[in-house]
């Protein structure tokens, strides 16, 4: 490369303007090597000036290259035809040549009158009509291969192109002339001022490389938000815009009392089985419960109350004391509602202050792991408490909430939950799947859950919940939940994904 640079500088020094193709021919090197050196010269400010000239050039195809070695199709037909009066049976001639050569070659040889067809005993024969031939096709292709395009008529080029023996390809060459800073000796521009330059004052005579102020530079290594956290932030913003207050959800371990009993979920319910719930072995039990509230929960379960007949079973404190990994954040809602009811327990006539709570945090279920289920996931929960709320209020708030998510087509289907009555499953029309899909669950908390806490009788509490993982997978086009959460997550995915903006698009 250094010798090529020196040779190019020497040639440029002797002429005012030169051509990259001419330089390549003179120095006997590939044109692309010349272009590479010229590109390196362009990085030196003012060293050379180049002008790109875009052209097209003719190049032999694979079939054309083969003709330069073996001869044209018509020549091969003539060579394979015996020089006698009998000639050769056409079928035998075609068998000696490949299908394309035989078909094209015979047609061209007949047109040039190099051969003729005769019929003997019902069979066609090919006979030579001339003693020698001039294979001009091969001659033209050899000339093109050697760059002698001026020797070939345009009509011939068109015919060769039609026969797919040559092709026209775009080509760029460079016109080069000396720049204002041209020198026979290349001095690489400096990129930095060193301490030695300053001490010796040599920086004054050095040529420095110009700064590229448009360069983006190297992105610094930094932390990146996981897609779940990005979507979670969007949900938080929606709740805050609607006037909700976030509940503290930092206790993953709950007692069965707050997770099930306080929600009026019977102790024989299948969800309280070890096949569905992760129970804690150390510490295995809790006993720090509000005593009066505990007795009211026990009573409403076993004998009823507050207009309910209860479940009519022997409620056991041992079941309520079992510790577990919470199966839903509704356990947190129960704690918050009990705390909010404190002033009404002390003063039943106090006017009720409306409540709007939300939470987004992790819950745990003893699920079978697959592409759409994990043993832990995030639950999004909204709770509203006020006097005289109805099912219509719940549906209206849900319409507003999902509208902010960009989900406008909603349907509600009656459902059963142990601690809400009435209950509704929420469905949205998925434009991509062209069908209705479940997006959440909702309902009105039962009096058996609220009245033992001390919530006033005229107060209704409505609530709804959905997962965080499902909308995240939809927004980021992730089909397997294990690609989103867990030890197999591709960290590059976390780095590359943009900020999530929930909406219609």
Protein backbone atom coordinates (compact mmCIF):
# COMPACT_ATOMS: atom_id res chain seq x y z
CA UNK A 1 0.00 0.00 0.00
CA UNK A 2 2.82 2.42 0.82
CA UNK A 3 4.48 1.81 -2.60
CA UNK A 4 1.15 2.36 -4.34
CA UNK A 5 0.69 5.66 -2.46
CA UNK A 6 4.18 6.79 -3.49
CA UNK A 7 3.56 5.84 -7.15
CA UNK A 8 0.24 7.68 -7.17
CA UNK A 9 1.79 10.82 -5.62
CA UNK A 10 4.56 10.72 -8.22
CA UNK A 11 2.05 10.45 -11.10
CA UNK A 12 -0.16 13.20 -9.67
CA UNK A 13 2.86 15.47 -9.27
CA UNK A 14 3.68 15.19 -13.00
CA UNK A 15 0.20 16.01 -14.38
CA UNK A 16 -2.53 18.52 -13.72
CA UNK A 17 -5.47 16.09 -14.02
CA UNK A 18 -5.57 12.31 -14.24
CA UNK A 19 -8.17 9.55 -14.27
CA UNK A 20 -8.42 6.68 -11.80
CA UNK A 21 -8.91 4.16 -14.63
CA UNK A 22 -5.81 5.46 -16.40
CA UNK A 23 -3.82 5.26 -13.17
CA UNK A 24 -4.95 1.66 -12.64
CA UNK A 25 -3.93 0.71 -16.21
CA UNK A 26 -0.57 2.50 -15.96
CA UNK A 27 0.36 0.99 -12.59
CA UNK A 28 -1.07 -2.45 -13.47
CA UNK A 29 -3.29 -2.74 -10.39
CA UNK A 30 -6.98 -3.29 -9.74
CA UNK A 31 -9.05 -0.13 -10.06
CA UNK A 32 -10.54 -0.62 -6.59
CA UNK A 33 -7.05 -0.47 -5.05
CA UNK A 34 -6.55 2.93 -6.70
CA UNK A 35 -9.93 4.09 -5.36
CA UNK A 36 -8.96 2.96 -1.84
CA UNK A 37 -5.74 5.01 -1.90
CA UNK A 38 -7.57 8.07 -3.29
CA UNK A 39 -10.11 7.78 -0.44
CA UNK A 40 -7.26 7.86 2.08
CA UNK A 41 -5.86 10.96 0.34
CA UNK A 42 -9.28 12.63 0.64
CA UNK A 43 -8.98 12.42 4.44
CA UNK A 44 -6.02 14.82 4.25
CA UNK A 45 -7.53 18.32 3.96
CA UNK A 46 -6.67 19.98 0.63
CA UNK A 47 -4.35 17.19 -0.56
CA UNK A 48 -6.32 16.24 -3.67
CA UNK A 49 -9.59 17.17 -5.36
CA UNK A 50 -11.71 14.42 -6.87
CA UNK A 51 -14.75 14.40 -9.13
CA UNK A 52 -16.88 11.25 -9.40
CA UNK A 53 -17.86 10.31 -12.94
CA UNK A 54 -20.66 7.73 -13.02
CA UNK A 55 -20.74 5.48 -16.06
CA UNK A 56 -21.78 2.04 -17.10
CA UNK A 57 -19.50 -0.67 -18.36
CA UNK A 58 -19.96 -3.94 -20.20
CA UNK A 59 -19.06 -7.15 -18.45
CA UNK A 60 -19.13 -10.74 -19.66
CA UNK A 61 -21.69 -13.03 -18.10
CA UNK A 62 -20.75 -16.54 -17.02
CA UNK A 63 -22.01 -17.87 -20.37
CA UNK A 64 -20.07 -15.18 -22.25
CA UNK A 65 -16.89 -16.06 -20.35
CA UNK A 66 -17.35 -19.70 -21.34
CA UNK A 67 -17.59 -18.69 -25.02
CA UNK A 68 -14.18 -16.95 -24.83
CA UNK A 69 -12.72 -20.32 -23.85
CA UNK A 70 -14.70 -22.81 -25.99
CA UNK A 71 -16.25 -20.78 -28.82
CA UNK A 72 -19.77 -19.52 -29.59
CA UNK A 73 -22.82 -21.76 -29.69
CA UNK A 74 -22.97 -21.61 -33.51
CA UNK A 75 -19.24 -22.40 -33.79
CA UNK A 76 -19.66 -25.46 -31.57
CA UNK A 77 -22.49 -26.69 -33.81
CA UNK A 78 -20.29 -26.25 -36.90
CA UNK A 79 -17.28 -27.95 -35.23
CA UNK A 80 -19.42 -30.94 -34.19
CA UNK A 81 -20.81 -31.37 -37.70
CA UNK A 82 -18.64 -33.79 -39.78
CA UNK A 83 -17.00 -32.37 -42.94
CA UNK A 84 -18.56 -34.83 -45.43
CA UNK A 85 -21.60 -35.14 -47.60
CA UNK A 86 -23.60 -37.17 -45.11
CA UNK A 87 -23.31 -34.72 -42.18
CA UNK A 88 -24.82 -35.84 -38.87
CA UNK A 89 -28.27 -36.81 -37.76
CA UNK A 90 -29.76 -33.87 -35.84
CA UNK A 91 -30.63 -35.98 -32.79
CA UNK A 92 -27.03 -37.21 -32.49
CA UNK A 93 -25.73 -33.65 -32.84
CA UNK A 94 -28.04 -32.39 -30.08
CA UNK A 95 -26.89 -35.23 -27.81
CA UNK A 96 -23.27 -34.13 -28.24
CA UNK A 97 -24.10 -30.58 -27.02
CA UNK A 98 -25.99 -29.30 -24.02
CA UNK A 99 -29.60 -28.31 -24.64
CA UNK A 100 -29.09 -24.52 -24.75
CA UNK A 101 -25.94 -24.67 -26.91
CA UNK A 102 -27.59 -27.04 -29.39
CA UNK A 103 -30.82 -25.06 -29.70
CA UNK A 104 -29.27 -21.58 -29.93
CA UNK A 105 -26.21 -22.71 -31.91
CA UNK A 106 -28.18 -24.52 -34.63
CA UNK A 107 -30.50 -21.54 -35.10
CA UNK A 108 -27.57 -19.11 -35.39
CA UNK A 109 -25.51 -21.44 -37.63
CA UNK A 110 -28.45 -21.85 -40.00
CA UNK A 111 -28.94 -18.06 -40.10
CA UNK A 112 -25.24 -17.58 -40.94
CA UNK A 113 -25.53 -20.38 -43.57
CA UNK A 114 -22.67 -22.28 -41.93
CA UNK A 115 -24.82 -25.41 -41.96
CA UNK A 116 -27.99 -26.66 -43.68
CA UNK A 117 -30.72 -29.18 -42.89
CA UNK A 118 -31.46 -32.15 -45.18
CA UNK A 119 -33.89 -35.02 -44.89
CA UNK A 120 -32.95 -38.64 -45.47
CA UNK A 121 -35.20 -41.63 -44.91
CA UNK A 122 -37.54 -39.56 -42.75
CA UNK A 123 -34.72 -38.21 -40.53
CA UNK A 124 -33.21 -34.75 -40.42
CA UNK A 125 -29.48 -34.33 -40.96
CA UNK A 126 -27.15 -31.35 -40.42
CA UNK A 127 -24.46 -30.73 -43.08
CA UNK A 128 -21.65 -28.20 -43.30
CA UNK A 129 -22.08 -25.56 -46.00
CA UNK A 130 -18.73 -23.72 -45.61
CA UNK A 131 -15.17 -24.94 -45.26
CA UNK A 132 -14.18 -22.50 -42.50
CA UNK A 133 -15.85 -19.97 -40.22
CA UNK A 134 -15.02 -16.67 -38.53
CA UNK A 135 -16.32 -16.85 -34.93
CA UNK A 136 -16.98 -13.13 -34.54
CA UNK A 137 -18.97 -13.59 -31.31
CA UNK A 138 -15.91 -15.02 -29.57
CA UNK A 139 -13.74 -12.26 -31.06
CA UNK A 140 -16.10 -9.54 -29.81
CA UNK A 141 -16.31 -11.03 -26.32
CA UNK A 142 -12.53 -11.26 -26.09
CA UNK A 143 -12.30 -7.59 -27.10
CA UNK A 144 -14.83 -6.60 -24.42
CA UNK A 145 -12.88 -8.62 -21.87
CA UNK A 146 -9.77 -6.63 -22.81
CA UNK A 147 -11.61 -3.29 -22.55
CA UNK A 148 -11.58 -2.59 -26.32
CA UNK A 149 -15.17 -1.36 -26.45
CA UNK A 150 -14.49 1.20 -29.18
CA UNK A 151 -13.85 -1.62 -31.66
CA UNK A 152 -17.34 -3.04 -31.29
CA UNK A 153 -20.43 -1.55 -33.01
CA UNK A 154 -23.40 -0.65 -30.80
CA UNK A 155 -25.64 -3.01 -32.76
CA UNK A 156 -23.32 -5.91 -31.87
CA UNK A 157 -23.35 -4.93 -28.16
CA UNK A 158 -27.15 -4.88 -28.25
CA UNK A 159 -27.25 -8.36 -29.82
CA UNK A 160 -24.75 -9.78 -27.30
CA UNK A 161 -26.77 -8.28 -24.45
CA UNK A 162 -29.97 -9.79 -25.88
CA UNK A 163 -28.24 -13.17 -25.95
CA UNK A 164 -27.27 -12.59 -22.27
CA UNK A 165 -23.58 -12.93 -23.06
CA UNK A 166 -22.75 -9.48 -21.68
CA UNK A 167 -24.37 -7.23 -19.07
CA UNK A 168 -24.24 -3.52 -18.39
CA UNK A 169 -23.25 -2.59 -14.84
CA UNK A 170 -22.97 0.83 -13.13
CA UNK A 171 -19.42 2.00 -12.64
CA UNK A 172 -17.73 5.02 -11.03
CA UNK A 173 -14.36 6.44 -11.88
CA UNK A 174 -12.60 9.44 -10.42
CA UNK A 175 -11.07 12.48 -12.04
CA UNK A 176 -8.20 13.59 -9.80
CA UNK A 177 -6.18 16.78 -9.55
CA UNK A 178 -3.77 18.25 -7.03
CA UNK A 179 -5.25 20.18 -4.13
CA UNK A 180 -3.92 23.41 -2.57
CA UNK A 181 -2.08 21.41 0.13
CA UNK A 182 -0.66 18.79 -2.22
CA UNK A 183 2.82 17.60 -1.28
CA UNK A 184 5.14 14.85 -2.43
CA UNK A 185 5.47 13.84 1.20
CA UNK A 186 2.40 12.83 3.18
CA UNK A 187 2.27 14.20 6.70
CA UNK A 188 -0.48 12.56 8.69
CA UNK A 189 -2.53 15.24 10.51
CA UNK A 190 -2.31 15.20 14.29
CA UNK A 191 -5.41 14.47 16.32
CA UNK A 192 -4.26 15.71 19.74
CA UNK A 193 -1.85 18.24 21.21
CA UNK A 194 0.72 16.41 23.30
CA UNK A 195 2.83 17.68 26.20
CA UNK A 196 5.94 17.36 24.06
CA UNK A 197 4.44 19.63 21.35
CA UNK A 198 3.72 22.28 23.96
CA UNK A 199 7.22 22.07 25.53
CA UNK A 200 8.96 22.30 22.14
CA UNK A 201 6.46 24.65 20.50
CA UNK A 202 6.17 22.22 17.57
CA UNK A 203 2.39 22.44 17.69
CA UNK A 204 2.63 25.74 15.81
CA UNK A 205 3.86 24.03 12.64
CA UNK A 206 1.78 20.83 12.89
CA UNK A 207 -1.21 20.10 10.71
CA UNK A 208 -4.19 19.09 12.88
CA UNK A 209 -7.18 17.05 11.85
CA UNK A 210 -10.42 19.05 11.82
CA UNK A 211 -13.01 18.33 14.50
CA UNK A 212 -16.23 16.70 13.36
CA UNK A 213 -18.77 18.48 15.53
CA UNK A 214 -21.59 16.40 14.03
CA UNK A 215 -20.11 13.09 15.21
CA UNK A 216 -22.31 11.34 17.77
CA UNK A 217 -19.43 9.88 19.71
CA UNK A 218 -19.44 6.67 21.72
CA UNK A 219 -22.54 6.18 23.85
CA UNK A 220 -21.55 5.85 27.52
CA UNK A 221 -22.43 2.64 29.32
CA UNK A 222 -25.43 3.18 31.56
CA UNK A 223 -28.37 1.41 33.12
CA UNK A 224 -31.55 0.79 31.15
CA UNK A 225 -35.12 0.32 32.23
CA UNK A 226 -36.65 -3.10 31.71
CA UNK A 227 -39.76 -3.05 29.44
CA UNK A 228 -41.92 -4.03 32.45
CA UNK A 229 -40.71 -0.96 34.34
CA UNK A 230 -41.41 1.28 31.35
CA UNK A 231 -44.99 0.02 31.02
CA UNK A 232 -45.44 0.16 34.80
CA UNK A 233 -44.50 3.85 34.75
CA UNK A 234 -47.16 4.51 32.10
CA UNK A 235 -49.82 2.79 34.22
CA UNK A 236 -48.74 4.79 37.28
CA UNK A 237 -49.14 8.02 35.30
CA UNK A 238 -52.67 7.04 34.25
CA UNK A 239 -53.71 6.26 37.83
CA UNK A 240 -52.20 9.52 39.12
CA UNK A 241 -53.98 11.50 36.38
CA UNK A 242 -57.25 9.96 37.59
CA UNK A 243 -56.57 11.05 41.18
CA UNK A 244 -55.50 7.73 42.67
CA UNK A 245 -53.07 7.26 45.57
CA UNK A 246 -50.51 4.42 45.43
CA UNK A 247 -50.70 1.76 48.14
CA UNK A 248 -47.57 0.41 49.86
CA UNK A 249 -46.94 -3.11 48.52
CA UNK A 250 -43.51 -3.96 49.94
CA UNK A 251 -44.62 -7.04 51.91
CA UNK A 252 -44.44 -10.07 49.64
CA UNK A 253 -45.12 -12.41 52.57
CA UNK A 254 -48.69 -12.26 53.90
CA UNK A 255 -50.70 -14.25 56.35
CA UNK A 256 -53.60 -16.31 55.10
CA UNK A 257 -55.82 -14.05 57.22
CA UNK A 258 -55.18 -10.93 55.11
CA UNK A 259 -54.73 -12.83 51.85
CA UNK A 260 -57.89 -14.96 52.12
CA UNK A 261 -60.00 -14.66 55.30
CA UNK A 262 -60.31 -10.86 55.35
CA UNK A 263 -61.55 -11.09 51.76
CA UNK A 264 -64.36 -13.48 52.77
CA UNK A 265 -62.70 -16.36 50.95
CA UNK A 266 -63.59 -19.66 52.68
CA UNK A 267 -60.88 -21.79 54.21
CA UNK A 268 -61.93 -24.76 52.05
CA UNK A 269 -61.44 -22.78 48.82
CA UNK A 270 -59.20 -24.59 46.24
CA UNK A 271 -56.98 -21.50 45.91
CA UNK A 272 -55.78 -22.11 49.48
CA UNK A 273 -54.34 -25.47 48.50
CA UNK A 274 -50.56 -26.01 48.23
CA UNK A 275 -51.02 -26.78 44.54
CA UNK A 276 -52.03 -23.15 43.96
CA UNK A 277 -50.26 -21.21 46.72
CA UNK A 278 -46.67 -21.02 47.99
CA UNK A 279 -46.77 -21.46 51.78
CA UNK A 280 -43.84 -20.32 53.95
CA UNK A 281 -42.08 -22.79 56.24
CA UNK A 282 -40.03 -20.29 58.29
CA UNK A 283 -41.75 -18.45 59.89
CA UNK A 284 -44.69 -20.71 59.27
CA UNK A 285 -47.33 -18.78 61.23
CA UNK A 286 -48.39 -15.23 62.11
CA UNK A 287 -50.40 -14.12 65.14
CA UNK A 288 -50.35 -10.33 64.96
CA UNK A 289 -53.97 -9.64 64.01
CA UNK A 290 -56.48 -7.02 65.28
CA UNK A 291 -58.40 -9.10 67.85
CA UNK A 292 -61.82 -7.47 67.44
CA UNK A 293 -61.57 -7.60 63.67
CA UNK A 294 -60.40 -11.24 63.82
CA UNK A 295 -63.51 -12.21 65.80
CA UNK A 296 -65.83 -10.44 63.34
CA UNK A 297 -64.16 -12.20 60.36
CA UNK A 298 -64.46 -15.54 62.17
CA UNK A 299 -68.12 -14.91 62.90
CA UNK A 300 -69.11 -13.84 59.39
CA UNK A 301 -67.38 -16.94 57.97
CA UNK A 302 -68.84 -19.50 60.35
CA UNK A 303 -72.31 -18.16 61.33
CA UNK A 304 -72.87 -15.19 59.03
CA UNK A 305 -73.82 -11.61 59.82
CA UNK A 306 -74.43 -8.23 58.20
CA UNK A 307 -77.31 -9.76 56.26
CA UNK A 308 -75.33 -12.86 55.23
CA UNK A 309 -75.68 -16.45 56.35
CA UNK A 310 -71.92 -17.08 56.01
CA UNK A 311 -70.38 -20.34 54.92
CA UNK A 312 -71.59 -22.44 57.87
CA UNK A 313 -68.29 -24.16 58.71
CA UNK A 314 -65.93 -24.27 61.70
CA UNK A 315 -63.46 -21.43 61.08
CA UNK A 316 -59.96 -22.28 62.36
CA UNK A 317 -57.40 -19.75 63.52
CA UNK A 318 -54.62 -22.20 62.50
CA UNK A 319 -55.56 -21.79 58.82
CA UNK A 320 -55.62 -17.99 59.08
CA UNK A 321 -52.19 -17.92 60.72
CA UNK A 322 -50.38 -19.68 57.85
CA UNK A 323 -47.83 -17.49 56.11
CA UNK A 324 -47.62 -17.46 52.31
CA UNK A 325 -46.33 -15.54 49.32
CA UNK A 326 -49.25 -13.26 48.52
CA UNK A 327 -51.38 -14.52 45.63
CA UNK A 328 -52.84 -11.07 44.83
CA UNK A 329 -52.36 -7.44 45.84
CA UNK A 330 -56.01 -7.39 46.98
CA UNK A 331 -54.56 -8.41 50.35
CA UNK A 332 -52.92 -4.96 50.42
CA UNK A 333 -56.27 -3.37 49.50
CA UNK A 334 -57.86 -5.14 52.49
CA UNK A 335 -55.21 -3.73 54.84
CA UNK A 336 -55.65 -0.21 53.44
CA UNK A 337 -59.44 -0.34 53.70
CA UNK A 338 -59.22 -1.60 57.30
CA UNK A 339 -56.85 1.24 58.16
CA UNK A 340 -59.11 3.81 56.41
CA UNK A 341 -62.14 2.53 58.39
CA UNK A 342 -60.46 3.24 61.74
CA UNK A 343 -62.02 6.70 62.22
CA UNK A 344 -65.48 5.34 61.31
CA UNK A 345 -65.13 2.55 63.87
CA UNK A 346 -64.50 5.23 66.49
CA UNK A 347 -67.12 7.67 65.12
CA UNK A 348 -69.76 5.89 62.98
CA UNK A 349 -71.50 9.19 62.20
CA UNK A 350 -68.40 10.83 60.66
CA UNK A 351 -68.88 11.83 56.98
CA UNK A 352 -67.11 9.42 54.65
CA UNK A 353 -64.13 10.68 52.67
CA UNK A 354 -63.93 9.03 49.20
CA UNK A 355 -60.87 6.82 48.58
CA UNK A 356 -59.05 6.04 45.36
CA UNK A 357 -56.16 3.55 45.68
CA UNK A 358 -53.99 1.72 43.18
CA UNK A 359 -51.09 -0.72 43.34
CA UNK A 360 -48.75 -2.41 40.85
CA UNK A 361 -46.53 -5.10 42.30
CA UNK A 362 -45.52 -8.72 42.29
CA UNK A 363 -47.72 -11.66 43.26
CA UNK A 364 -47.02 -15.39 43.35
CA UNK A 365 -48.97 -18.45 42.20
CA UNK A 366 -47.97 -22.10 42.07
CA UNK A 367 -48.53 -22.21 38.29
CA UNK A 368 -47.28 -24.66 35.67
CA UNK A 369 -44.66 -22.71 33.72
CA UNK A 370 -45.22 -22.23 29.99
CA UNK A 371 -44.97 -19.53 27.32
CA UNK A 372 -47.72 -17.41 28.95
CA UNK A 373 -47.50 -18.32 32.66
CA UNK A 374 -44.89 -17.84 35.36
CA UNK A 375 -44.91 -18.59 39.07
CA UNK A 376 -44.66 -14.85 39.73
CA UNK A 377 -46.15 -11.90 37.88
CA UNK A 378 -47.34 -8.34 38.45
CA UNK A 379 -50.91 -7.42 39.34
CA UNK A 380 -52.35 -3.97 38.59
CA UNK A 381 -55.19 -3.08 40.95
CA UNK A 382 -57.51 -0.08 41.25
CA UNK A 383 -59.88 0.50 44.21
CA UNK A 384 -62.52 3.25 44.62
CA UNK A 385 -64.65 3.72 47.74
CA UNK A 386 -67.53 6.21 48.04
CA UNK A 387 -71.13 6.52 49.12
CA UNK A 388 -73.71 5.15 46.69
CA UNK A 389 -71.38 3.75 44.02
CA UNK A 390 -73.06 1.38 41.57
CA UNK A 391 -72.08 -1.12 38.93
CA UNK A 392 -72.57 1.68 36.40
CA UNK A 393 -69.88 3.73 38.15
CA UNK A 394 -67.50 0.76 37.93
CA UNK A 395 -68.17 0.39 34.20
CA UNK A 396 -67.72 4.13 33.64
CA UNK A 397 -64.38 4.28 35.47
CA UNK A 398 -63.21 1.19 33.57
CA UNK A 399 -64.18 2.83 30.26
CA UNK A 400 -62.13 5.91 31.18
CA UNK A 401 -59.18 3.86 32.48
CA UNK A 402 -58.92 1.64 29.40
CA UNK A 403 -59.55 4.59 27.07
CA UNK A 404 -56.35 6.15 28.46
CA UNK A 405 -54.59 2.88 27.59
CA UNK A 406 -55.80 3.22 24.00
CA UNK A 407 -58.39 0.44 24.44
CA UNK A 408 -61.81 1.68 23.33
CA UNK A 409 -63.80 -1.45 22.47
CA UNK A 410 -64.83 -3.07 25.77
CA UNK A 411 -67.29 -5.77 26.77
CA UNK A 412 -68.25 -6.95 30.26
CA UNK A 413 -69.19 -10.51 31.15
CA UNK A 414 -70.69 -11.66 34.49
CA UNK A 415 -68.25 -13.71 36.56
CA UNK A 416 -67.76 -15.13 40.07
CA UNK A 417 -65.22 -14.01 42.64
CA UNK A 418 -65.38 -14.99 46.35
CA UNK A 419 -65.02 -11.39 47.56
CA UNK A 420 -66.94 -9.38 44.92
CA UNK A 421 -70.63 -9.45 44.00
CA UNK A 422 -71.52 -8.60 41.31
CA UNK A 423 -68.32 -9.47 39.41
CA UNK A 424 -67.35 -8.83 35.79
CA UNK A 425 -64.65 -10.04 33.43
CA UNK A 426 -63.41 -7.32 31.07
CA UNK A 427 -62.89 -8.09 27.37
CA UNK A 428 -61.35 -5.93 24.65
CA UNK A 429 -61.47 -6.40 20.88
CA UNK A 430 -57.95 -7.19 19.63
CA UNK A 431 -57.58 -5.70 16.14
CA UNK A 432 -54.56 -7.89 15.35
CA UNK A 433 -56.15 -11.20 16.41
CA UNK A 434 -59.60 -10.07 15.20
CA UNK A 435 -61.29 -11.39 18.33
CA UNK A 436 -62.29 -10.42 21.87
CA UNK A 437 -59.65 -11.18 24.53
CA UNK A 438 -59.87 -10.96 28.32
CA UNK A 439 -57.93 -7.98 29.70
CA UNK A 440 -59.00 -7.88 33.36
CA UNK A 441 -61.41 -8.70 36.17
CA UNK A 442 -63.55 -6.44 38.32
CA UNK A 443 -66.38 -6.28 40.82
CA UNK A 444 -68.04 -4.70 43.87
CA UNK A 445 -66.56 -5.79 47.22
CA UNK A 446 -69.05 -7.86 49.26
CA UNK A 447 -70.56 -6.47 52.50
CA UNK A 448 -69.19 -9.56 54.31
CA UNK A 449 -65.72 -8.21 53.51
CA UNK A 450 -66.29 -4.49 54.17
CA UNK A 451 -68.67 -4.27 57.15
CA UNK A 452 -66.48 -6.26 59.61
CA UNK A 453 -63.74 -3.68 58.92
CA UNK A 454 -66.00 -0.82 60.03
CA UNK A 455 -66.67 0.63 56.57
CA UNK A 456 -70.02 2.49 56.76
CA UNK A 457 -73.01 0.55 55.38
CA UNK A 458 -73.83 3.15 52.71
CA UNK A 459 -70.29 3.01 51.28
CA UNK A 460 -69.61 0.87 48.20
CA UNK A 461 -66.12 -0.23 47.14
CA UNK A 462 -65.46 -1.08 43.50
CA UNK A 463 -62.22 -2.61 42.22
CA UNK A 464 -60.56 -4.07 39.16
CA UNK A 465 -57.28 -5.75 38.26
CA UNK A 466 -55.19 -6.93 35.34
CA UNK A 467 -51.67 -8.20 34.75
CA UNK A 468 -48.68 -6.06 33.79
CA UNK A 469 -46.97 -8.74 31.69
CA UNK A 470 -49.76 -9.19 29.10
CA UNK A 471 -49.91 -5.56 27.86
CA UNK A 472 -46.08 -5.43 27.93
CA UNK A 473 -45.83 -8.53 25.74
CA UNK A 474 -48.38 -7.04 23.32
CA UNK A 475 -46.62 -3.65 23.17
CA UNK A 476 -43.16 -5.18 22.61
CA UNK A 477 -44.33 -8.08 20.39
CA UNK A 478 -42.99 -10.74 22.79
CA UNK A 479 -44.64 -14.13 22.37
CA UNK A 480 -42.93 -16.02 25.22
CA UNK A 481 -43.12 -14.57 28.72
CA UNK A 482 -39.77 -16.22 29.58
CA UNK A 483 -38.15 -13.86 27.07
CA UNK A 484 -39.48 -10.97 29.17
CA UNK A 485 -38.88 -12.18 32.73
CA UNK A 486 -36.36 -14.60 34.20
CA UNK A 487 -32.79 -15.80 33.83
CA UNK A 488 -33.09 -16.35 30.06
CA UNK A 489 -33.86 -12.71 29.26
CA UNK A 490 -31.63 -11.22 26.56
CA UNK A 491 -30.13 -8.09 28.14
CA UNK A 492 -29.62 -6.59 24.68
CA UNK A 493 -33.41 -6.57 24.38
CA UNK A 494 -33.57 -4.39 27.49
CA UNK A 495 -30.94 -2.08 25.99
CA UNK A 496 -32.55 -1.76 22.56
CA UNK A 497 -36.25 -1.36 23.35
CA UNK A 498 -37.58 2.19 23.24
CA UNK A 499 -39.66 3.94 25.86
CA UNK A 500 -43.17 2.50 25.83
CA UNK A 501 -46.00 4.88 25.05
CA UNK A 502 -49.38 3.24 25.54
CA UNK A 503 -51.95 4.18 22.93
CA UNK A 504 -53.81 3.04 19.83
CA UNK A 505 -50.74 2.63 17.61
